[in-house]
Amino acid sequence: MASLQDQLLKAGLADKSKAKQARADKRKKQKLKNKGTAVGEDENKLAAQQAAEAKKQRDRELNQQRQAELEKKAVVAQIRQLITVNQQPKGNGDTVLNFTDNNVVKRMYVSDAVHKLVVDARLAVVRLDDDYALIPTPVADKIAERDANVVIYRADLREENKQKSAEDDWYAEYEIPDDLTW
């Protein structure tokens, strides 16, 4: 079966130059059409890549948030463990230990020996859930590194205790002789 162009040429209704021109126009149109779809495909491909990059960035941000939450939970667990492992007994006593927590005066009944340890800055008061616990000061330092809001009371950080320790050291500049006998 011959094409319409061949049939028109045989019938004498068209000449060869017009047929050539028609073929050339058809080829040009086809090239432009192919070029246009290639640009369209590139745009689609570029849009898909941009969407994938945006999704990856969003996923990275979500992972960072999750990681931060996990680290926060780990710090809370470390603090809880430090407190529970190093918690000192309050003792059976009627001595009142007053301290402030968020500008509210709180009380804890402790023995005289424990009260002296707290006042001498050997023990610190920390918050454990809704209660308070006594822990050694070096442990309170470790807890303060993780979260300073958990440490409620430390006697060594009070101004009056700093002045008292400075007064106790007035003799520190004097040498003690080695040959002193009593």
C-alpha atoms as a PDB file:
ATOM      1  CA  MET A   1       0.000   0.000   0.000  1.00  0.00           C
ATOM      2  CA  ALA A   2       1.475   3.273  -1.079  1.00  0.00           C
ATOM      3  CA  SER A   3       1.351   6.446   0.938  1.00  0.00           C
ATOM      4  CA  LEU A   4      -0.933   9.291   0.021  1.00  0.00           C
ATOM      5  CA  GLN A   5       2.062  11.302  -1.159  1.00  0.00           C
ATOM      6  CA  ASP A   6       3.076   8.538  -3.599  1.00  0.00           C
ATOM      7  CA  GLN A   7      -0.455   8.270  -4.905  1.00  0.00           C
ATOM      8  CA  LEU A   8      -0.648  12.044  -5.527  1.00  0.00           C
ATOM      9  CA  LEU A   9       2.680  11.953  -7.369  1.00  0.00           C
ATOM     10  CA  LYS A  10       1.457   9.093  -9.638  1.00  0.00           C
ATOM     11  CA  ALA A  11      -1.765  10.876 -10.310  1.00  0.00           C
ATOM     12  CA  GLY A  12       0.186  14.032 -11.238  1.00  0.00           C
ATOM     13  CA  LEU A  13      -1.537  16.183  -8.672  1.00  0.00           C
ATOM     14  CA  ALA A  14       1.757  17.002  -6.829  1.00  0.00           C
ATOM     15  CA  ASP A  15       5.359  17.370  -7.923  1.00  0.00           C
ATOM     16  CA  LYS A  16       8.570  16.071  -6.368  1.00  0.00           C
ATOM     17  CA  SER A  17       9.760  19.435  -4.980  1.00  0.00           C
ATOM     18  CA  LYS A  18       6.532  19.981  -3.079  1.00  0.00           C
ATOM     19  CA  ALA A  19       6.729  16.422  -1.724  1.00  0.00           C
ATOM     20  CA  LYS A  20      10.315  17.019  -0.557  1.00  0.00           C
ATOM     21  CA  GLN A  21       9.274  20.264   1.086  1.00  0.00           C
ATOM     22  CA  ALA A  22       6.399  18.514   2.868  1.00  0.00           C
ATOM     23  CA  ARG A  23       8.740  15.782   4.149  1.00  0.00           C
ATOM     24  CA  ALA A  24      11.229  18.382   5.422  1.00  0.00           C
ATOM     25  CA  ASP A  25       8.451  20.298   7.225  1.00  0.00           C
ATOM     26  CA  LYS A  26       7.181  17.081   8.743  1.00  0.00           C
ATOM     27  CA  ARG A  27      10.702  16.193   9.980  1.00  0.00           C
ATOM     28  CA  LYS A  28      11.173  19.671  11.470  1.00  0.00           C
ATOM     29  CA  LYS A  29       7.865  19.430  13.298  1.00  0.00           C
ATOM     30  CA  GLN A  30       8.767  16.008  14.618  1.00  0.00           C
ATOM     31  CA  LYS A  31      12.171  17.260  15.867  1.00  0.00           C
ATOM     32  CA  LEU A  32      10.575  20.232  17.621  1.00  0.00           C
ATOM     33  CA  LYS A  33       7.983  17.951  19.130  1.00  0.00           C
ATOM     34  CA  ASN A  34      10.671  15.531  20.390  1.00  0.00           C
ATOM     35  CA  LYS A  35      12.746  18.431  21.718  1.00  0.00           C
ATOM     36  CA  GLY A  36       9.746  19.826  23.609  1.00  0.00           C
ATOM     37  CA  THR A  37       8.984  16.506  25.277  1.00  0.00           C
ATOM     38  CA  ALA A  38      12.631  16.117  26.241  1.00  0.00           C
ATOM     39  CA  VAL A  39      12.510  19.516  27.985  1.00  0.00           C
ATOM     40  CA  GLY A  40       9.259  18.475  29.672  1.00  0.00           C
ATOM     41  CA  GLU A  41      10.843  15.219  30.802  1.00  0.00           C
ATOM     42  CA  ASP A  42      13.866  17.111  32.169  1.00  0.00           C
ATOM     43  CA  GLU A  43      11.582  19.461  34.101  1.00  0.00           C
ATOM     44  CA  ASN A  44       9.702  16.510  35.560  1.00  0.00           C
ATOM     45  CA  LYS A  45      12.965  14.790  36.448  1.00  0.00           C
ATOM     46  CA  LEU A  46      14.312  17.974  38.076  1.00  0.00           C
ATOM     47  CA  ALA A  47      11.094  18.459  40.048  1.00  0.00           C
ATOM     48  CA  ALA A  48      11.263  14.847  41.236  1.00  0.00           C
ATOM     49  CA  GLN A  49      14.880  15.308  42.352  1.00  0.00           C
ATOM     50  CA  GLN A  50      13.988  18.505  44.217  1.00  0.00           C
ATOM     51  CA  ALA A  51      11.102  16.743  45.939  1.00  0.00           C
ATOM     52  CA  ALA A  52      13.410  13.878  46.925  1.00  0.00           C
ATOM     53  CA  GLU A  53      15.994  16.332  48.326  1.00  0.00           C
ATOM     54  CA  ALA A  54      13.290  18.156  50.280  1.00  0.00           C
ATOM     55  CA  LYS A  55      12.084  14.846  51.700  1.00  0.00           C
ATOM     56  CA  LYS A  56      15.631  13.858  52.674  1.00  0.00           C
ATOM     57  CA  GLN A  57      16.140  17.210  54.429  1.00  0.00           C
ATOM     58  CA  ARG A  58      12.837  16.837  56.292  1.00  0.00           C
ATOM     59  CA  ASP A  59      13.809  13.297  57.304  1.00  0.00           C
ATOM     60  CA  ARG A  60      17.200  14.542  58.572  1.00  0.00           C
ATOM     61  CA  GLU A  61      15.497  17.213  60.678  1.00  0.00           C
ATOM     62  CA  LEU A  62      13.069  14.659  62.123  1.00  0.00           C
ATOM     63  CA  ASN A  63      15.963  12.317  62.926  1.00  0.00           C
ATOM     64  CA  GLN A  64      17.827  15.134  64.671  1.00  0.00           C
ATOM     65  CA  GLN A  65      14.731  15.914  66.748  1.00  0.00           C
ATOM     66  CA  ARG A  66      14.314  12.255  67.664  1.00  0.00           C
ATOM     67  CA  GLN A  67      18.004  12.008  68.545  1.00  0.00           C
ATOM     68  CA  ALA A  68      17.737  15.091  70.767  1.00  0.00           C
ATOM     69  CA  GLU A  69      14.712  13.593  72.538  1.00  0.00           C
ATOM     70  CA  LEU A  70      16.557  10.316  73.065  1.00  0.00           C
ATOM     71  CA  GLU A  71      19.583  12.145  74.468  1.00  0.00           C
ATOM     72  CA  LYS A  72      17.301  14.115  76.787  1.00  0.00           C
ATOM     73  CA  LYS A  73      15.701  10.898  78.032  1.00  0.00           C
ATOM     74  CA  ALA A  74      19.151   9.360  78.511  1.00  0.00           C
ATOM     75  CA  VAL A  75      20.272  12.330  80.610  1.00  0.00           C
ATOM     76  CA  VAL A  76      17.141  12.074  82.757  1.00  0.00           C
ATOM     77  CA  ALA A  77      17.799   8.357  83.241  1.00  0.00           C
ATOM     78  CA  GLN A  78      21.440   9.020  84.173  1.00  0.00           C
ATOM     79  CA  ILE A  79      20.386  11.624  86.729  1.00  0.00           C
ATOM     80  CA  ARG A  80      17.781   9.293  88.213  1.00  0.00           C
ATOM     81  CA  GLN A  81      20.343   6.511  88.467  1.00  0.00           C
ATOM     82  CA  LEU A  82      22.956   8.774  90.086  1.00  0.00           C
ATOM     83  CA  ILE A  83      20.431   9.903  92.674  1.00  0.00           C
ATOM     84  CA  THR A  84      19.040   6.464  93.501  1.00  0.00           C
ATOM     85  CA  VAL A  85      22.466   4.841  93.759  1.00  0.00           C
ATOM     86  CA  ASN A  86      24.038   7.594  95.885  1.00  0.00           C
ATOM     87  CA  GLN A  87      21.039   8.573  97.995  1.00  0.00           C
ATOM     88  CA  GLN A  88      21.942   8.975 101.671  1.00  0.00           C
ATOM     89  CA  PRO A  89      19.519   8.140 104.486  1.00  0.00           C
ATOM     90  CA  LYS A  90      17.874  11.131 106.166  1.00  0.00           C
ATOM     91  CA  GLY A  91      18.081   9.529 109.560  1.00  0.00           C
ATOM     92  CA  ASN A  92      15.473   9.496 112.281  1.00  0.00           C
ATOM     93  CA  GLY A  93      15.509  12.961 113.702  1.00  0.00           C
ATOM     94  CA  ASP A  94      13.582  16.030 114.584  1.00  0.00           C
ATOM     95  CA  THR A  95      16.039  18.548 113.207  1.00  0.00           C
ATOM     96  CA  VAL A  96      14.467  20.621 110.472  1.00  0.00           C
ATOM     97  CA  LEU A  97      16.451  21.282 107.325  1.00  0.00           C
ATOM     98  CA  ASN A  98      14.997  24.294 105.510  1.00  0.00           C
ATOM     99  CA  PHE A  99      15.801  24.986 101.866  1.00  0.00           C
ATOM    100  CA  THR A 100      14.147  26.827  98.994  1.00  0.00           C
ATOM    101  CA  ASP A 101      12.822  25.315  95.810  1.00  0.00           C
ATOM    102  CA  ASN A 102      11.562  27.822  93.224  1.00  0.00           C
ATOM    103  CA  ASN A 103      11.229  30.539  95.887  1.00  0.00           C
ATOM    104  CA  VAL A 104       9.188  28.238  98.139  1.00  0.00           C
ATOM    105  CA  VAL A 105      10.625  27.234 101.497  1.00  0.00           C
ATOM    106  CA  LYS A 106      10.619  23.474 101.919  1.00  0.00           C
ATOM    107  CA  ARG A 107      11.326  21.351 105.000  1.00  0.00           C
ATOM    108  CA  MET A 108      12.965  18.033 105.504  1.00  0.00           C
ATOM    109  CA  TYR A 109      13.307  16.323 108.876  1.00  0.00           C
ATOM    110  CA  VAL A 110      16.767  14.831 109.324  1.00  0.00           C
ATOM    111  CA  SER A 111      19.003  13.660 112.120  1.00  0.00           C
ATOM    112  CA  ASP A 112      21.518  16.027 113.736  1.00  0.00           C
ATOM    113  CA  ALA A 113      24.468  14.285 112.066  1.00  0.00           C
ATOM    114  CA  VAL A 114      22.889  14.541 108.607  1.00  0.00           C
ATOM    115  CA  HIS A 115      21.994  18.195 109.245  1.00  0.00           C
ATOM    116  CA  LYS A 116      25.638  18.922 110.104  1.00  0.00           C
ATOM    117  CA  LEU A 117      26.776  17.175 106.893  1.00  0.00           C
ATOM    118  CA  VAL A 118      24.401  19.305 104.818  1.00  0.00           C
ATOM    119  CA  VAL A 119      25.495  22.520 106.530  1.00  0.00           C
ATOM    120  CA  ASP A 120      29.164  21.591 106.074  1.00  0.00           C
ATOM    121  CA  ALA A 121      28.464  21.114 102.327  1.00  0.00           C
ATOM    122  CA  ARG A 122      29.215  17.392 102.347  1.00  0.00           C
ATOM    123  CA  LEU A 123      25.652  16.563 101.296  1.00  0.00           C
ATOM    124  CA  ALA A 124      23.386  18.356  98.816  1.00  0.00           C
ATOM    125  CA  VAL A 125      19.619  18.313  98.353  1.00  0.00           C
ATOM    126  CA  VAL A 126      18.340  17.224  94.940  1.00  0.00           C
ATOM    127  CA  ARG A 127      14.886  16.760  93.469  1.00  0.00           C
ATOM    128  CA  LEU A 128      13.822  13.192  92.718  1.00  0.00           C
ATOM    129  CA  ASP A 129      10.383  13.205  91.062  1.00  0.00           C
ATOM    130  CA  ASP A 130       8.101  14.895  93.640  1.00  0.00           C
ATOM    131  CA  ASP A 131      10.404  14.240  96.592  1.00  0.00           C
ATOM    132  CA  TYR A 132      13.846  15.381  97.716  1.00  0.00           C
ATOM    133  CA  ALA A 133      16.947  13.304  98.354  1.00  0.00           C
ATOM    134  CA  LEU A 134      20.324  13.841  99.992  1.00  0.00           C
ATOM    135  CA  ILE A 135      23.404  12.951  97.995  1.00  0.00           C
ATOM    136  CA  PRO A 136      27.158  13.590  98.378  1.00  0.00           C
ATOM    137  CA  THR A 137      28.408  16.886  96.957  1.00  0.00           C
ATOM    138  CA  PRO A 138      30.708  15.329  94.291  1.00  0.00           C
ATOM    139  CA  VAL A 139      27.709  13.460  92.903  1.00  0.00           C
ATOM    140  CA  ALA A 140      25.728  16.712  92.966  1.00  0.00           C
ATOM    141  CA  ASP A 141      28.486  18.220  90.817  1.00  0.00           C
ATOM    142  CA  LYS A 142      28.045  15.432  88.261  1.00  0.00           C
ATOM    143  CA  ILE A 143      24.284  15.925  88.285  1.00  0.00           C
ATOM    144  CA  ALA A 144      24.671  19.698  87.896  1.00  0.00           C
ATOM    145  CA  GLU A 145      26.763  19.106  84.766  1.00  0.00           C
ATOM    146  CA  ARG A 146      23.821  17.280  83.231  1.00  0.00           C
ATOM    147  CA  ASP A 147      20.970  19.442  84.597  1.00  0.00           C
ATOM    148  CA  ALA A 148      21.557  22.219  87.112  1.00  0.00           C
ATOM    149  CA  ASN A 149      17.825  22.523  87.911  1.00  0.00           C
ATOM    150  CA  VAL A 150      17.810  19.168  89.709  1.00  0.00           C
ATOM    151  CA  VAL A 151      20.259  20.315  92.396  1.00  0.00           C
ATOM    152  CA  ILE A 152      18.127  22.281  94.855  1.00  0.00           C
ATOM    153  CA  TYR A 153      20.431  23.168  97.752  1.00  0.00           C
ATOM    154  CA  ARG A 154      24.186  23.170  98.207  1.00  0.00           C
ATOM    155  CA  ALA A 155      25.640  24.821 101.272  1.00  0.00           C
ATOM    156  CA  ASP A 156      29.002  25.488  99.618  1.00  0.00           C
ATOM    157  CA  LEU A 157      27.412  27.777  97.043  1.00  0.00           C
ATOM    158  CA  ARG A 158      25.868  30.118  99.619  1.00  0.00           C
ATOM    159  CA  GLU A 159      27.595  33.452 100.273  1.00  0.00           C
ATOM    160  CA  GLU A 160      27.677  33.135 104.061  1.00  0.00           C
ATOM    161  CA  ASN A 161      29.518  29.808 103.805  1.00  0.00           C
ATOM    162  CA  LYS A 162      32.097  31.292 101.433  1.00  0.00           C
ATOM    163  CA  GLN A 163      32.779  34.074 103.920  1.00  0.00           C
ATOM    164  CA  LYS A 164      32.967  31.574 106.789  1.00  0.00           C
ATOM    165  CA  SER A 165      35.531  29.455 104.945  1.00  0.00           C
ATOM    166  CA  ALA A 166      37.585  32.595 104.211  1.00  0.00           C
ATOM    167  CA  GLU A 167      37.553  33.451 107.922  1.00  0.00           C
ATOM    168  CA  ASP A 168      38.641  29.921 108.841  1.00  0.00           C
ATOM    169  CA  ASP A 169      41.678  30.247 106.603  1.00  0.00           C
ATOM    170  CA  TRP A 170      43.158  33.341 108.286  1.00  0.00           C
ATOM    171  CA  TYR A 171      45.975  31.242 109.687  1.00  0.00           C
ATOM    172  CA  ALA A 172      46.741  29.551 106.361  1.00  0.00           C
ATOM    173  CA  GLU A 173      49.583  31.949 105.578  1.00  0.00           C
ATOM    174  CA  TYR A 174      51.536  30.932 108.686  1.00  0.00           C
ATOM    175  CA  GLU A 175      53.927  28.028 108.492  1.00  0.00           C
ATOM    176  CA  ILE A 176      53.661  25.207 110.985  1.00  0.00           C
ATOM    177  CA  PRO A 177      57.077  24.194 112.262  1.00  0.00           C
ATOM    178  CA  ASP A 178      58.099  20.589 111.673  1.00  0.00           C
ATOM    179  CA  ASP A 179      59.829  20.140 115.019  1.00  0.00           C
ATOM    180  CA  LEU A 180      56.830  21.145 117.110  1.00  0.00           C
ATOM    181  CA  THR A 181      56.201  18.686 119.919  1.00  0.00           C
ATOM    182  CA  TRP A 182      53.288  18.735 122.296  1.00  0.00           C
END
